[in-house]
Amino acid sequence: MTLKERLLQEIEALPAERLAEAIALIQSLQKKPSPTSPQSFLAHLKTIGTWAGDDLYHAWLNTHKKNL
């Protein structure tokens, strides 16, 4: 039995007065951001601390504006 089939079976067995709670739970799960995989997080970490394009110029501008 797949997870979807099991979920549908559990929904069918749920009392009618609990269906609103089930819908609210599912909607909250849909809004929740998906977890970041370790591989994508590691790839992101590799870019931290690198300078590309106009990064240095923009960092200088931001620092200069704050010191005015």
Protein backbone atom coordinates (compact mmCIF):
# COMPACT_ATOMS: atom_id res chain seq x y z
CA MET A 1 0.00 0.00 0.00
CA THR A 2 1.41 3.40 -0.94
CA LEU A 3 1.52 6.32 1.47
CA LYS A 4 -1.18 8.09 -0.52
CA GLU A 5 -3.45 5.05 -0.35
CA ARG A 6 -2.83 4.75 3.38
CA LEU A 7 -3.59 8.45 3.88
CA LEU A 8 -6.84 8.14 1.92
CA GLN A 9 -7.79 5.08 3.99
CA GLU A 10 -7.17 7.00 7.21
CA ILE A 11 -9.23 9.95 5.94
CA GLU A 12 -12.11 7.61 5.08
CA ALA A 13 -12.01 6.21 8.63
CA LEU A 14 -11.92 9.66 10.23
CA PRO A 15 -15.16 10.87 11.87
CA ALA A 16 -16.83 13.72 9.97
CA GLU A 17 -16.32 16.16 12.85
CA ARG A 18 -12.51 15.69 12.61
CA LEU A 19 -12.26 16.35 8.85
CA ALA A 20 -11.88 20.12 9.33
CA GLU A 21 -8.86 19.46 11.57
CA ALA A 22 -7.38 17.16 8.94
CA ILE A 23 -7.80 19.81 6.25
CA ALA A 24 -6.20 22.45 8.46
CA LEU A 25 -3.27 20.14 9.15
CA ILE A 26 -2.75 19.39 5.47
CA GLN A 27 -2.93 23.09 4.60
CA SER A 28 -0.35 23.93 7.26
CA LEU A 29 1.94 21.23 5.86
CA GLN A 30 1.56 22.70 2.37
CA LYS A 31 2.61 26.14 3.62
CA LYS A 32 5.61 24.76 5.52
CA PRO A 33 8.83 25.10 3.53
CA SER A 34 10.32 21.84 2.43
CA PRO A 35 13.43 20.82 4.32
CA THR A 36 16.76 21.59 2.71
CA SER A 37 18.69 18.54 1.65
CA PRO A 38 22.21 18.20 3.05
CA GLN A 39 23.62 18.24 -0.49
CA SER A 40 21.98 21.55 -1.45
CA PHE A 41 22.96 23.09 1.88
CA LEU A 42 26.58 22.03 1.38
CA ALA A 43 26.56 23.46 -2.15
CA HIS A 44 25.26 26.75 -0.72
CA LEU A 45 27.97 26.80 1.96
CA LYS A 46 30.65 26.50 -0.73
CA THR A 47 29.54 29.85 -2.21
CA ILE A 48 29.70 31.73 1.08
CA GLY A 49 32.74 33.96 1.27
CA THR A 50 33.32 34.14 -2.46
CA TRP A 51 33.24 37.37 -4.41
CA ALA A 52 31.75 37.53 -7.88
CA GLY A 53 30.91 40.31 -10.29
CA ASP A 54 30.20 43.60 -8.52
CA ASP A 55 30.02 42.08 -5.01
CA LEU A 56 33.06 43.96 -3.72
CA TYR A 57 31.82 47.26 -5.15
CA HIS A 58 28.36 46.82 -3.62
CA ALA A 59 29.86 45.88 -0.26
CA TRP A 60 32.00 49.02 -0.37
CA LEU A 61 28.96 51.15 -1.29
CA ASN A 62 26.89 49.73 1.57
CA THR A 63 29.71 50.32 4.04
CA HIS A 64 30.34 53.82 2.73
CA LYS A 65 26.64 54.77 2.98
CA LYS A 66 26.45 53.54 6.58
CA ASN A 67 29.47 55.64 7.57
CA LEU A 68 28.04 58.91 6.21
